Amino acid sequence: MAVRLVYPPRCTLCGVPVADDFGLCGVCWRDTPFITGLVCDLCGTPLPGESKGVAHCDDCLSIARPWARGRAALRYEANGRRLVLALKHGDRHDVARPAGKWLARAAAPLITPGTILAPVPLHWLRLVSRRFNQSALLAQALARETGLILVHDLLIRARHTQSLRGLDRTARHATLDGAIRANPRHLATLRGAHVILVDDVMTSGATLSAATQAAYAGGAAEVCILALARAGKEA
């Protein structure tokens, strides 16, 4: 109680006082593009229509996705983009805590008994320069919210790759071909498992595709994907 008096809870985005720790004020909540209603069952992008039934977006109808199902908590725009960038490049680790709650809500249709969580891995060279893996922070927050088992190093980044920024879909997939592998230490855990891969943003899906293929190659029975934010086409 004394800590709350000295350091009252503040909005994660704008810093104004709020009622709960690690939340958003009313204005920021209103302006944050949470994904609700009918969504693509493969990538989580919002779709027009009622929320009942299974639907797929145009991209997922034309592109083979290796994973079984997918969801995202936010659209990668406005406050959604601000939150992702604050976590990824602004050293705002506090964003992960409320994001864990949003991810848990989005992931509810994907969760089955015994589901394992795993973050999309970073190569050690990038981890050294960035000092943390934002996807791992999100996966850890999600594990706290759901009670699911988290295996931080279920997958490993076996090859350092260039940034995907500015590359088209084909180039992104080519760059990541073979770059992610199942960790040999966890093959017994991975074999026959239902896995949810956690990442900060899904754009073309190249990184999540590479991670999914690695999980299946390691023996996973089913792989689903979950992103904090879903970017629009050609983002």
C-alpha atoms as a PDB file:
ATOM      1  CA  MET A   1       0.000   0.000   0.000  1.00  0.00           C
ATOM      2  CA  ALA A   2       2.816   2.411   0.855  1.00  0.00           C
ATOM      3  CA  VAL A   3       4.440   1.720  -2.520  1.00  0.00           C
ATOM      4  CA  ARG A   4       1.177   2.544  -4.296  1.00  0.00           C
ATOM      5  CA  LEU A   5       0.963   5.835  -2.409  1.00  0.00           C
ATOM      6  CA  VAL A   6       4.473   6.818  -3.443  1.00  0.00           C
ATOM      7  CA  TYR A   7       4.287   5.315  -6.957  1.00  0.00           C
ATOM      8  CA  PRO A   8       0.613   5.314  -8.009  1.00  0.00           C
ATOM      9  CA  PRO A   9      -0.349   3.142 -11.007  1.00  0.00           C
ATOM     10  CA  ARG A  10      -0.074   4.954 -14.330  1.00  0.00           C
ATOM     11  CA  CYS A  11      -1.297   4.360 -17.846  1.00  0.00           C
ATOM     12  CA  THR A  12       1.208   2.316 -19.828  1.00  0.00           C
ATOM     13  CA  LEU A  13       0.904   4.679 -22.779  1.00  0.00           C
ATOM     14  CA  CYS A  14       0.328   8.230 -21.553  1.00  0.00           C
ATOM     15  CA  GLY A  15       1.371   8.017 -17.907  1.00  0.00           C
ATOM     16  CA  VAL A  16      -1.758   9.466 -16.294  1.00  0.00           C
ATOM     17  CA  PRO A  17      -2.856   7.864 -12.996  1.00  0.00           C
ATOM     18  CA  VAL A  18      -5.088   4.799 -13.375  1.00  0.00           C
ATOM     19  CA  ALA A  19      -6.872   2.479 -10.983  1.00  0.00           C
ATOM     20  CA  ASP A  20      -4.881  -0.672 -11.737  1.00  0.00           C
ATOM     21  CA  ASP A  21      -1.198  -1.446 -12.197  1.00  0.00           C
ATOM     22  CA  PHE A  22       0.035  -1.935 -15.767  1.00  0.00           C
ATOM     23  CA  GLY A  23      -3.151  -0.875 -17.515  1.00  0.00           C
ATOM     24  CA  LEU A  24      -4.435   1.799 -19.835  1.00  0.00           C
ATOM     25  CA  CYS A  25      -6.452   4.875 -19.024  1.00  0.00           C
ATOM     26  CA  GLY A  26      -9.919   5.199 -20.507  1.00  0.00           C
ATOM     27  CA  VAL A  27      -8.805   7.418 -23.375  1.00  0.00           C
ATOM     28  CA  CYS A  28      -5.864   5.211 -24.369  1.00  0.00           C
ATOM     29  CA  TRP A  29      -8.003   2.080 -24.067  1.00  0.00           C
ATOM     30  CA  ARG A  30     -10.585   3.623 -26.376  1.00  0.00           C
ATOM     31  CA  ASP A  31      -7.908   4.512 -28.932  1.00  0.00           C
ATOM     32  CA  THR A  32      -6.103   1.161 -28.824  1.00  0.00           C
ATOM     33  CA  PRO A  33      -7.069  -1.108 -31.758  1.00  0.00           C
ATOM     34  CA  PHE A  34      -7.925  -4.332 -29.938  1.00  0.00           C
ATOM     35  CA  ILE A  35      -9.014  -7.118 -32.270  1.00  0.00           C
ATOM     36  CA  THR A  36     -12.503  -8.368 -31.474  1.00  0.00           C
ATOM     37  CA  GLY A  37     -15.360 -10.006 -33.332  1.00  0.00           C
ATOM     38  CA  LEU A  38     -14.869 -12.167 -36.396  1.00  0.00           C
ATOM     39  CA  VAL A  39     -11.218 -12.860 -37.204  1.00  0.00           C
ATOM     40  CA  CYS A  40      -9.240 -14.955 -39.646  1.00  0.00           C
ATOM     41  CA  ASP A  41      -8.730 -18.335 -37.992  1.00  0.00           C
ATOM     42  CA  LEU A  42      -5.200 -18.577 -39.401  1.00  0.00           C
ATOM     43  CA  CYS A  43      -3.668 -15.173 -38.687  1.00  0.00           C
ATOM     44  CA  GLY A  44      -6.117 -13.328 -36.432  1.00  0.00           C
ATOM     45  CA  THR A  45      -6.723 -10.355 -38.707  1.00  0.00           C
ATOM     46  CA  PRO A  46     -10.166  -8.802 -38.127  1.00  0.00           C
ATOM     47  CA  LEU A  47     -12.873  -9.537 -40.695  1.00  0.00           C
ATOM     48  CA  PRO A  48     -16.285  -8.049 -41.398  1.00  0.00           C
ATOM     49  CA  GLY A  49     -19.298 -10.024 -40.263  1.00  0.00           C
ATOM     50  CA  GLU A  50     -20.522 -11.790 -37.146  1.00  0.00           C
ATOM     51  CA  SER A  51     -18.087 -13.496 -34.813  1.00  0.00           C
ATOM     52  CA  LYS A  52     -19.600 -16.969 -35.185  1.00  0.00           C
ATOM     53  CA  GLY A  53     -18.025 -19.604 -37.405  1.00  0.00           C
ATOM     54  CA  VAL A  54     -14.579 -20.020 -38.961  1.00  0.00           C
ATOM     55  CA  ALA A  55     -13.354 -17.635 -41.649  1.00  0.00           C
ATOM     56  CA  HIS A  56     -10.104 -16.866 -43.449  1.00  0.00           C
ATOM     57  CA  CYS A  57      -8.735 -13.600 -44.826  1.00  0.00           C
ATOM     58  CA  ASP A  58      -7.719 -13.135 -48.469  1.00  0.00           C
ATOM     59  CA  ASP A  59      -4.024 -13.561 -47.649  1.00  0.00           C
ATOM     60  CA  CYS A  60      -4.559 -16.868 -45.861  1.00  0.00           C
ATOM     61  CA  LEU A  61      -6.789 -18.141 -48.676  1.00  0.00           C
ATOM     62  CA  SER A  62      -3.984 -17.547 -51.168  1.00  0.00           C
ATOM     63  CA  ILE A  63      -0.916 -18.353 -49.038  1.00  0.00           C
ATOM     64  CA  ALA A  64      -0.255 -21.774 -47.529  1.00  0.00           C
ATOM     65  CA  ARG A  65       0.199 -21.334 -43.788  1.00  0.00           C
ATOM     66  CA  PRO A  66       2.096 -24.159 -42.072  1.00  0.00           C
ATOM     67  CA  TRP A  67       0.451 -23.596 -38.688  1.00  0.00           C
ATOM     68  CA  ALA A  68      -3.012 -24.826 -37.647  1.00  0.00           C
ATOM     69  CA  ARG A  69      -4.607 -21.661 -36.230  1.00  0.00           C
ATOM     70  CA  GLY A  70      -3.553 -18.133 -35.328  1.00  0.00           C
ATOM     71  CA  ARG A  71      -4.633 -15.108 -33.336  1.00  0.00           C
ATOM     72  CA  ALA A  72      -3.475 -11.555 -32.539  1.00  0.00           C
ATOM     73  CA  ALA A  73      -4.479  -9.162 -29.775  1.00  0.00           C
ATOM     74  CA  LEU A  74      -4.063  -5.812 -31.556  1.00  0.00           C
ATOM     75  CA  ARG A  75      -3.876  -4.281 -34.989  1.00  0.00           C
ATOM     76  CA  TYR A  76      -0.400  -2.918 -35.697  1.00  0.00           C
ATOM     77  CA  GLU A  77      -1.468   0.693 -36.025  1.00  0.00           C
ATOM     78  CA  ALA A  78      -1.966   3.764 -33.812  1.00  0.00           C
ATOM     79  CA  ASN A  79      -1.622   2.749 -30.139  1.00  0.00           C
ATOM     80  CA  GLY A  80      -1.055  -0.872 -31.124  1.00  0.00           C
ATOM     81  CA  ARG A  81       2.090   0.130 -32.987  1.00  0.00           C
ATOM     82  CA  ARG A  82       3.169   2.450 -30.170  1.00  0.00           C
ATOM     83  CA  LEU A  83       2.925  -0.372 -27.639  1.00  0.00           C
ATOM     84  CA  VAL A  84       4.928  -2.800 -29.774  1.00  0.00           C
ATOM     85  CA  LEU A  85       7.662  -0.279 -30.501  1.00  0.00           C
ATOM     86  CA  ALA A  86       7.851   0.773 -26.852  1.00  0.00           C
ATOM     87  CA  LEU A  87       8.448  -2.849 -25.875  1.00  0.00           C
ATOM     88  CA  LYS A  88      10.778  -3.735 -28.744  1.00  0.00           C
ATOM     89  CA  HIS A  89      12.916  -0.624 -29.079  1.00  0.00           C
ATOM     90  CA  GLY A  90      12.088   1.548 -26.076  1.00  0.00           C
ATOM     91  CA  ASP A  91      13.139  -0.838 -23.289  1.00  0.00           C
ATOM     92  CA  ARG A  92       9.597  -0.642 -21.952  1.00  0.00           C
ATOM     93  CA  HIS A  93       9.438  -4.105 -20.429  1.00  0.00           C
ATOM     94  CA  ASP A  94       6.412  -2.994 -18.411  1.00  0.00           C
ATOM     95  CA  VAL A  95       4.337  -3.253 -21.606  1.00  0.00           C
ATOM     96  CA  ALA A  96       4.612  -7.051 -21.433  1.00  0.00           C
ATOM     97  CA  ARG A  97       2.506  -7.343 -18.299  1.00  0.00           C
ATOM     98  CA  PRO A  98      -0.776  -5.912 -19.646  1.00  0.00           C
ATOM     99  CA  ALA A  99       0.041  -7.468 -23.017  1.00  0.00           C
ATOM    100  CA  GLY A 100      -0.023 -10.850 -21.300  1.00  0.00           C
ATOM    101  CA  LYS A 101      -3.672 -10.268 -20.381  1.00  0.00           C
ATOM    102  CA  TRP A 102      -4.569  -9.198 -23.916  1.00  0.00           C
ATOM    103  CA  LEU A 103      -2.740 -12.184 -25.372  1.00  0.00           C
ATOM    104  CA  ALA A 104      -4.490 -14.562 -22.985  1.00  0.00           C
ATOM    105  CA  ARG A 105      -7.864 -13.323 -24.190  1.00  0.00           C
ATOM    106  CA  ALA A 106      -6.856 -13.659 -27.841  1.00  0.00           C
ATOM    107  CA  ALA A 107      -5.314 -17.102 -27.301  1.00  0.00           C
ATOM    108  CA  ALA A 108      -8.341 -18.640 -25.570  1.00  0.00           C
ATOM    109  CA  PRO A 109      -9.571 -20.513 -28.696  1.00  0.00           C
ATOM    110  CA  LEU A 110      -6.096 -21.978 -29.258  1.00  0.00           C
ATOM    111  CA  ILE A 111      -5.469 -23.386 -25.796  1.00  0.00           C
ATOM    112  CA  THR A 112      -5.955 -27.089 -25.104  1.00  0.00           C
ATOM    113  CA  PRO A 113      -4.883 -29.167 -22.077  1.00  0.00           C
ATOM    114  CA  GLY A 114      -1.118 -29.514 -22.023  1.00  0.00           C
ATOM    115  CA  THR A 115      -0.428 -26.675 -24.445  1.00  0.00           C
ATOM    116  CA  ILE A 116       3.191 -25.509 -24.438  1.00  0.00           C
ATOM    117  CA  LEU A 117       4.205 -21.894 -25.031  1.00  0.00           C
ATOM    118  CA  ALA A 118       7.390 -20.963 -26.885  1.00  0.00           C
ATOM    119  CA  PRO A 119       8.682 -17.590 -28.043  1.00  0.00           C
ATOM    120  CA  VAL A 120      10.030 -17.011 -31.522  1.00  0.00           C
ATOM    121  CA  PRO A 121      13.801 -17.109 -30.902  1.00  0.00           C
ATOM    122  CA  LEU A 122      16.464 -14.500 -31.572  1.00  0.00           C
ATOM    123  CA  HIS A 123      19.963 -15.305 -32.755  1.00  0.00           C
ATOM    124  CA  TRP A 124      22.507 -14.785 -29.988  1.00  0.00           C
ATOM    125  CA  LEU A 125      24.175 -11.926 -31.865  1.00  0.00           C
ATOM    126  CA  ARG A 126      20.903  -9.997 -32.027  1.00  0.00           C
ATOM    127  CA  LEU A 127      20.146 -10.902 -28.432  1.00  0.00           C
ATOM    128  CA  VAL A 128      23.464  -9.406 -27.349  1.00  0.00           C
ATOM    129  CA  SER A 129      22.765  -6.150 -29.178  1.00  0.00           C
ATOM    130  CA  ARG A 130      19.134  -5.889 -28.039  1.00  0.00           C
ATOM    131  CA  ARG A 131      19.753  -7.374 -24.555  1.00  0.00           C
ATOM    132  CA  PHE A 132      16.371  -9.148 -24.454  1.00  0.00           C
ATOM    133  CA  ASN A 133      13.924 -11.060 -26.620  1.00  0.00           C
ATOM    134  CA  GLN A 134      10.619  -9.179 -26.659  1.00  0.00           C
ATOM    135  CA  SER A 135       8.777 -12.320 -27.769  1.00  0.00           C
ATOM    136  CA  ALA A 136      10.116 -14.148 -24.719  1.00  0.00           C
ATOM    137  CA  LEU A 137       8.856 -11.365 -22.442  1.00  0.00           C
ATOM    138  CA  LEU A 138       5.403 -11.658 -24.000  1.00  0.00           C
ATOM    139  CA  ALA A 139       5.412 -15.449 -23.708  1.00  0.00           C
ATOM    140  CA  GLN A 140       6.428 -15.190 -20.048  1.00  0.00           C
ATOM    141  CA  ALA A 141       3.585 -12.755 -19.347  1.00  0.00           C
ATOM    142  CA  LEU A 142       1.146 -15.036 -21.152  1.00  0.00           C
ATOM    143  CA  ALA A 143       2.344 -18.020 -19.120  1.00  0.00           C
ATOM    144  CA  ARG A 144       1.661 -16.097 -15.903  1.00  0.00           C
ATOM    145  CA  GLU A 145      -1.864 -15.322 -17.047  1.00  0.00           C
ATOM    146  CA  THR A 146      -2.742 -18.797 -18.281  1.00  0.00           C
ATOM    147  CA  GLY A 147      -0.653 -21.146 -16.133  1.00  0.00           C
ATOM    148  CA  LEU A 148       0.645 -22.842 -19.299  1.00  0.00           C
ATOM    149  CA  ILE A 149       4.124 -24.341 -19.467  1.00  0.00           C
ATOM    150  CA  LEU A 150       6.662 -22.054 -21.107  1.00  0.00           C
ATOM    151  CA  VAL A 151       9.824 -23.445 -22.686  1.00  0.00           C
ATOM    152  CA  HIS A 152      11.979 -20.394 -23.466  1.00  0.00           C
ATOM    153  CA  ASP A 153      14.437 -22.208 -25.709  1.00  0.00           C
ATOM    154  CA  LEU A 154      12.161 -24.765 -27.358  1.00  0.00           C
ATOM    155  CA  LEU A 155      13.386 -23.357 -30.678  1.00  0.00           C
ATOM    156  CA  ILE A 156      16.773 -21.846 -31.505  1.00  0.00           C
ATOM    157  CA  ARG A 157      17.914 -19.378 -34.140  1.00  0.00           C
ATOM    158  CA  ALA A 158      20.638 -21.408 -35.797  1.00  0.00           C
ATOM    159  CA  ARG A 159      21.672 -18.765 -38.320  1.00  0.00           C
ATOM    160  CA  HIS A 160      22.012 -14.996 -38.060  1.00  0.00           C
ATOM    161  CA  THR A 161      19.904 -13.324 -40.751  1.00  0.00           C
ATOM    162  CA  GLN A 162      19.596  -9.805 -42.081  1.00  0.00           C
ATOM    163  CA  SER A 163      16.704  -7.596 -41.033  1.00  0.00           C
ATOM    164  CA  LEU A 164      13.484  -8.394 -42.900  1.00  0.00           C
ATOM    165  CA  ARG A 165      12.522  -4.732 -43.089  1.00  0.00           C
ATOM    166  CA  GLY A 166      11.990  -3.626 -46.664  1.00  0.00           C
ATOM    167  CA  LEU A 167      11.971  -7.159 -48.099  1.00  0.00           C
ATOM    168  CA  ASP A 168       8.988  -8.536 -49.982  1.00  0.00           C
ATOM    169  CA  ARG A 169       7.215 -11.724 -48.939  1.00  0.00           C
ATOM    170  CA  THR A 170       9.310 -14.014 -51.136  1.00  0.00           C
ATOM    171  CA  ALA A 171      12.596 -12.523 -49.952  1.00  0.00           C
ATOM    172  CA  ARG A 172      11.539 -12.754 -46.315  1.00  0.00           C
ATOM    173  CA  HIS A 173      10.769 -16.458 -46.608  1.00  0.00           C
ATOM    174  CA  ALA A 174      14.010 -17.108 -48.500  1.00  0.00           C
ATOM    175  CA  THR A 175      16.043 -15.240 -45.872  1.00  0.00           C
ATOM    176  CA  LEU A 176      14.609 -17.348 -43.052  1.00  0.00           C
ATOM    177  CA  ASP A 177      14.838 -20.712 -44.793  1.00  0.00           C
ATOM    178  CA  GLY A 178      16.531 -23.058 -42.319  1.00  0.00           C
ATOM    179  CA  ALA A 179      17.340 -20.273 -39.873  1.00  0.00           C
ATOM    180  CA  ILE A 180      15.233 -21.663 -37.016  1.00  0.00           C
ATOM    181  CA  ARG A 181      15.494 -25.185 -35.621  1.00  0.00           C
ATOM    182  CA  ALA A 182      14.126 -27.252 -32.773  1.00  0.00           C
ATOM    183  CA  ASN A 183      16.433 -27.275 -29.766  1.00  0.00           C
ATOM    184  CA  PRO A 184      17.931 -30.800 -29.499  1.00  0.00           C
ATOM    185  CA  ARG A 185      17.669 -30.523 -25.699  1.00  0.00           C
ATOM    186  CA  HIS A 186      13.869 -30.356 -25.888  1.00  0.00           C
ATOM    187  CA  LEU A 187      12.985 -32.907 -28.553  1.00  0.00           C
ATOM    188  CA  ALA A 188      11.324 -35.167 -25.990  1.00  0.00           C
ATOM    189  CA  THR A 189       9.151 -32.257 -24.821  1.00  0.00           C
ATOM    190  CA  LEU A 190       8.332 -31.215 -28.364  1.00  0.00           C
ATOM    191  CA  ARG A 191       7.404 -34.666 -29.611  1.00  0.00           C
ATOM    192  CA  GLY A 192       3.604 -34.935 -29.867  1.00  0.00           C
ATOM    193  CA  ALA A 193       3.069 -31.540 -28.229  1.00  0.00           C
ATOM    194  CA  HIS A 194       0.515 -28.834 -28.941  1.00  0.00           C
ATOM    195  CA  VAL A 195       2.561 -25.640 -29.211  1.00  0.00           C
ATOM    196  CA  ILE A 196       1.624 -21.971 -29.337  1.00  0.00           C
ATOM    197  CA  LEU A 197       4.405 -19.820 -30.797  1.00  0.00           C
ATOM    198  CA  VAL A 198       4.441 -16.254 -29.474  1.00  0.00           C
ATOM    199  CA  ASP A 199       5.778 -13.232 -31.381  1.00  0.00           C
ATOM    200  CA  ASP A 200       5.401  -9.470 -31.125  1.00  0.00           C
ATOM    201  CA  VAL A 201       4.201  -8.706 -34.665  1.00  0.00           C
ATOM    202  CA  MET A 202       3.010 -10.759 -37.613  1.00  0.00           C
ATOM    203  CA  THR A 203       3.558  -9.099 -40.987  1.00  0.00           C
ATOM    204  CA  SER A 204       4.110 -11.485 -43.901  1.00  0.00           C
ATOM    205  CA  GLY A 205       4.253 -14.487 -41.551  1.00  0.00           C
ATOM    206  CA  ALA A 206       7.731 -15.509 -42.727  1.00  0.00           C
ATOM    207  CA  THR A 207       9.279 -15.690 -39.256  1.00  0.00           C
ATOM    208  CA  LEU A 208       6.329 -17.565 -37.788  1.00  0.00           C
ATOM    209  CA  SER A 209       6.340 -19.928 -40.777  1.00  0.00           C
ATOM    210  CA  ALA A 210      10.010 -20.753 -40.229  1.00  0.00           C
ATOM    211  CA  ALA A 211       9.413 -21.299 -36.515  1.00  0.00           C
ATOM    212  CA  THR A 212       6.350 -23.467 -37.182  1.00  0.00           C
ATOM    213  CA  GLN A 213       8.223 -25.644 -39.657  1.00  0.00           C
ATOM    214  CA  ALA A 214      11.019 -26.086 -37.113  1.00  0.00           C
ATOM    215  CA  ALA A 215       8.518 -27.162 -34.440  1.00  0.00           C
ATOM    216  CA  TYR A 216       6.903 -29.685 -36.763  1.00  0.00           C
ATOM    217  CA  ALA A 217      10.307 -30.986 -37.819  1.00  0.00           C
ATOM    218  CA  GLY A 218      11.046 -31.520 -34.132  1.00  0.00           C
ATOM    219  CA  GLY A 219       7.941 -33.658 -33.713  1.00  0.00           C
ATOM    220  CA  ALA A 220       5.175 -31.267 -32.615  1.00  0.00           C
ATOM    221  CA  ALA A 221       1.655 -32.603 -33.182  1.00  0.00           C
ATOM    222  CA  GLU A 222       0.070 -29.187 -33.721  1.00  0.00           C
ATOM    223  CA  VAL A 223       1.409 -25.642 -33.888  1.00  0.00           C
ATOM    224  CA  CYS A 224      -0.620 -22.457 -33.491  1.00  0.00           C
ATOM    225  CA  ILE A 225       0.685 -18.908 -33.615  1.00  0.00           C
ATOM    226  CA  LEU A 226      -0.056 -15.868 -31.484  1.00  0.00           C
ATOM    227  CA  ALA A 227       1.104 -12.281 -32.034  1.00  0.00           C
ATOM    228  CA  LEU A 228       0.641  -9.201 -29.927  1.00  0.00           C
ATOM    229  CA  ALA A 229      -0.130  -7.252 -33.112  1.00  0.00           C
ATOM    230  CA  ARG A 230      -1.175  -8.102 -36.652  1.00  0.00           C
ATOM    231  CA  ALA A 231       0.134  -5.796 -39.345  1.00  0.00           C
ATOM    232  CA  GLY A 232      -1.897  -4.949 -42.419  1.00  0.00           C
ATOM    233  CA  LYS A 233      -1.084  -6.177 -45.894  1.00  0.00           C
ATOM    234  CA  GLU A 234       2.426  -5.446 -47.141  1.00  0.00           C
ATOM    235  CA  ALA A 235       3.343  -3.844 -43.796  1.00  0.00           C
END
